[in-house]
Amino acid sequence: MAELIDLKPLEVRDLIESENVLLVDVREFSEYSARHIKGSLLLPMSVFDPDDFPGLKGAKVVLICALGRRSVAAGKQLLEVGVQLPLFNLEGGIKAWAEEGLPLVLAPEDYSI
């Protein structure tokens, strides 16, 4: 039976470096555009539909949010509809990732021309 497994930021980094991983960020657009993990796919909780969830054969899915709560909720929804991909939650979210000094794509401070 599939389950949602919490991983600490350094464990997620190691997984990304060694496995086929789909990073799914469930924060809202404004949060994602401010800072996100390179290569992550944005699927905001406000429009999250587990029936439309993209799956990559053989991929491990890491769900990401700000603190780790919305990603747990998204994971539970995916498990309820029977998603069989290996599911992981970034424990502590983007906040914990940043606190570990791991790289983030940051928005420019000034969008003006």
C-alpha atoms as a PDB file:
ATOM      1  CA  MET A   1       0.000   0.000   0.000  1.00  0.00           C
ATOM      2  CA  ALA A   2       1.268   3.484  -0.880  1.00  0.00           C
ATOM      3  CA  GLU A   3       2.070   5.954   1.854  1.00  0.00           C
ATOM      4  CA  LEU A   4       3.342   9.495   2.305  1.00  0.00           C
ATOM      5  CA  ILE A   5       6.837   9.588   3.770  1.00  0.00           C
ATOM      6  CA  ASP A   6       8.365  12.671   5.392  1.00  0.00           C
ATOM      7  CA  LEU A   7      11.889  13.527   4.297  1.00  0.00           C
ATOM      8  CA  LYS A   8      14.157  16.187   5.740  1.00  0.00           C
ATOM      9  CA  PRO A   9      15.590  18.752   3.280  1.00  0.00           C
ATOM     10  CA  LEU A  10      18.992  17.066   2.996  1.00  0.00           C
ATOM     11  CA  GLU A  11      17.294  13.730   2.326  1.00  0.00           C
ATOM     12  CA  VAL A  12      15.253  15.355  -0.462  1.00  0.00           C
ATOM     13  CA  ARG A  13      18.435  16.864  -1.925  1.00  0.00           C
ATOM     14  CA  ASP A  14      20.074  13.431  -1.921  1.00  0.00           C
ATOM     15  CA  LEU A  15      16.998  11.869  -3.533  1.00  0.00           C
ATOM     16  CA  ILE A  16      17.012  14.511  -6.282  1.00  0.00           C
ATOM     17  CA  GLU A  17      20.677  13.803  -6.982  1.00  0.00           C
ATOM     18  CA  SER A  18      20.254  10.027  -7.227  1.00  0.00           C
ATOM     19  CA  GLU A  19      16.720   9.241  -8.433  1.00  0.00           C
ATOM     20  CA  ASN A  20      14.083  10.176 -11.003  1.00  0.00           C
ATOM     21  CA  VAL A  21      12.133  12.743  -8.947  1.00  0.00           C
ATOM     22  CA  LEU A  22       9.102  14.894  -9.714  1.00  0.00           C
ATOM     23  CA  LEU A  23       9.041  17.922  -7.392  1.00  0.00           C
ATOM     24  CA  VAL A  24       5.498  19.238  -6.953  1.00  0.00           C
ATOM     25  CA  ASP A  25       5.065  22.583  -5.196  1.00  0.00           C
ATOM     26  CA  VAL A  26       1.512  23.082  -3.923  1.00  0.00           C
ATOM     27  CA  ARG A  27       1.953  26.674  -2.744  1.00  0.00           C
ATOM     28  CA  GLU A  28       0.209  29.529  -4.513  1.00  0.00           C
ATOM     29  CA  PHE A  29       1.707  31.354  -7.496  1.00  0.00           C
ATOM     30  CA  SER A  30       2.901  34.381  -5.498  1.00  0.00           C
ATOM     31  CA  GLU A  31       4.769  32.134  -3.043  1.00  0.00           C
ATOM     32  CA  TYR A  32       6.274  30.039  -5.831  1.00  0.00           C
ATOM     33  CA  SER A  33       7.340  33.049  -7.884  1.00  0.00           C
ATOM     34  CA  ALA A  34       9.137  34.549  -4.869  1.00  0.00           C
ATOM     35  CA  ARG A  35      11.278  31.432  -4.326  1.00  0.00           C
ATOM     36  CA  HIS A  36      11.134  27.790  -5.297  1.00  0.00           C
ATOM     37  CA  ILE A  37      13.274  24.737  -5.818  1.00  0.00           C
ATOM     38  CA  LYS A  38      14.694  24.597  -9.336  1.00  0.00           C
ATOM     39  CA  GLY A  39      12.774  22.186 -11.538  1.00  0.00           C
ATOM     40  CA  SER A  40       9.694  22.023  -9.333  1.00  0.00           C
ATOM     41  CA  LEU A  41       6.245  21.928 -10.900  1.00  0.00           C
ATOM     42  CA  LEU A  42       3.653  24.352  -9.515  1.00  0.00           C
ATOM     43  CA  LEU A  43       0.245  22.784  -8.735  1.00  0.00           C
ATOM     44  CA  PRO A  44      -1.384  25.173  -6.216  1.00  0.00           C
ATOM     45  CA  MET A  45      -3.651  23.706  -3.549  1.00  0.00           C
ATOM     46  CA  SER A  46      -6.341  26.206  -4.565  1.00  0.00           C
ATOM     47  CA  VAL A  47      -6.793  24.290  -7.832  1.00  0.00           C
ATOM     48  CA  PHE A  48      -5.256  20.948  -6.859  1.00  0.00           C
ATOM     49  CA  ASP A  49      -7.126  18.015  -8.352  1.00  0.00           C
ATOM     50  CA  PRO A  50      -5.656  14.592  -7.623  1.00  0.00           C
ATOM     51  CA  ASP A  51      -7.511  13.129 -10.615  1.00  0.00           C
ATOM     52  CA  ASP A  52      -5.424  15.339 -12.922  1.00  0.00           C
ATOM     53  CA  PHE A  53      -2.128  14.621 -11.186  1.00  0.00           C
ATOM     54  CA  PRO A  54       0.750  14.104 -13.610  1.00  0.00           C
ATOM     55  CA  GLY A  55       2.581  10.862 -13.186  1.00  0.00           C
ATOM     56  CA  LEU A  56       5.944   9.879 -14.514  1.00  0.00           C
ATOM     57  CA  LYS A  57       6.542   6.187 -14.723  1.00  0.00           C
ATOM     58  CA  GLY A  58       9.208   5.261 -12.231  1.00  0.00           C
ATOM     59  CA  ALA A  59       9.318   8.736 -10.685  1.00  0.00           C
ATOM     60  CA  LYS A  60       9.292   9.456  -7.009  1.00  0.00           C
ATOM     61  CA  VAL A  61       7.106  12.436  -6.119  1.00  0.00           C
ATOM     62  CA  VAL A  62       8.198  14.998  -3.529  1.00  0.00           C
ATOM     63  CA  LEU A  63       5.422  17.340  -2.421  1.00  0.00           C
ATOM     64  CA  ILE A  64       6.488  20.809  -1.302  1.00  0.00           C
ATOM     65  CA  CYS A  65       4.793  23.742   0.422  1.00  0.00           C
ATOM     66  CA  ALA A  66       5.837  26.561   2.755  1.00  0.00           C
ATOM     67  CA  LEU A  67       5.941  24.633   6.045  1.00  0.00           C
ATOM     68  CA  GLY A  68       4.922  21.062   5.187  1.00  0.00           C
ATOM     69  CA  ARG A  69       1.198  21.135   5.991  1.00  0.00           C
ATOM     70  CA  ARG A  70      -0.409  21.766   2.600  1.00  0.00           C
ATOM     71  CA  SER A  71       1.875  19.191   1.022  1.00  0.00           C
ATOM     72  CA  VAL A  72       0.665  16.596   3.553  1.00  0.00           C
ATOM     73  CA  ALA A  73      -2.933  17.478   2.634  1.00  0.00           C
ATOM     74  CA  ALA A  74      -2.121  17.079  -1.074  1.00  0.00           C
ATOM     75  CA  GLY A  75      -0.438  13.744  -0.361  1.00  0.00           C
ATOM     76  CA  LYS A  76      -3.498  12.479   1.500  1.00  0.00           C
ATOM     77  CA  GLN A  77      -5.701  13.455  -1.450  1.00  0.00           C
ATOM     78  CA  LEU A  78      -3.425  11.576  -3.839  1.00  0.00           C
ATOM     79  CA  LEU A  79      -3.465   8.477  -1.645  1.00  0.00           C
ATOM     80  CA  GLU A  80      -7.270   8.619  -1.392  1.00  0.00           C
ATOM     81  CA  VAL A  81      -7.628   8.409  -5.185  1.00  0.00           C
ATOM     82  CA  GLY A  82      -5.163   5.541  -5.368  1.00  0.00           C
ATOM     83  CA  VAL A  83      -2.009   7.167  -6.738  1.00  0.00           C
ATOM     84  CA  GLN A  84       0.647   4.461  -6.556  1.00  0.00           C
ATOM     85  CA  LEU A  85       3.752   6.569  -7.150  1.00  0.00           C
ATOM     86  CA  PRO A  86       6.217   6.754  -4.251  1.00  0.00           C
ATOM     87  CA  LEU A  87       5.098   9.895  -2.374  1.00  0.00           C
ATOM     88  CA  PHE A  88       7.329  12.009  -0.173  1.00  0.00           C
ATOM     89  CA  ASN A  89       6.734  15.207   1.784  1.00  0.00           C
ATOM     90  CA  LEU A  90       9.425  17.852   2.261  1.00  0.00           C
ATOM     91  CA  GLU A  91       9.318  18.080   6.047  1.00  0.00           C
ATOM     92  CA  GLY A  92       9.288  21.732   7.105  1.00  0.00           C
ATOM     93  CA  GLY A  93       8.706  22.865   3.518  1.00  0.00           C
ATOM     94  CA  ILE A  94      10.573  25.612   1.700  1.00  0.00           C
ATOM     95  CA  LYS A  95      11.334  27.252   5.046  1.00  0.00           C
ATOM     96  CA  ALA A  96      13.345  24.231   6.229  1.00  0.00           C
ATOM     97  CA  TRP A  97      14.984  23.888   2.798  1.00  0.00           C
ATOM     98  CA  ALA A  98      16.162  27.520   2.961  1.00  0.00           C
ATOM     99  CA  GLU A  99      17.325  27.139   6.574  1.00  0.00           C
ATOM    100  CA  GLU A 100      19.609  24.298   5.419  1.00  0.00           C
ATOM    101  CA  GLY A 101      21.152  26.702   2.908  1.00  0.00           C
ATOM    102  CA  LEU A 102      19.950  24.647  -0.043  1.00  0.00           C
ATOM    103  CA  PRO A 103      19.557  26.452  -3.375  1.00  0.00           C
ATOM    104  CA  LEU A 104      16.378  28.253  -4.374  1.00  0.00           C
ATOM    105  CA  VAL A 105      15.354  30.112  -7.500  1.00  0.00           C
ATOM    106  CA  LEU A 106      14.667  33.641  -6.265  1.00  0.00           C
ATOM    107  CA  ALA A 107      12.530  36.315  -7.886  1.00  0.00           C
ATOM    108  CA  PRO A 108      14.293  39.499  -8.895  1.00  0.00           C
ATOM    109  CA  GLU A 109      13.832  42.198  -6.270  1.00  0.00           C
ATOM    110  CA  ASP A 110      12.699  44.755  -8.808  1.00  0.00           C
ATOM    111  CA  TYR A 111      10.514  43.904 -11.785  1.00  0.00           C
ATOM    112  CA  SER A 112      10.550  47.451 -13.162  1.00  0.00           C
ATOM    113  CA  ILE A 113      12.139  48.271 -16.493  1.00  0.00           C
END
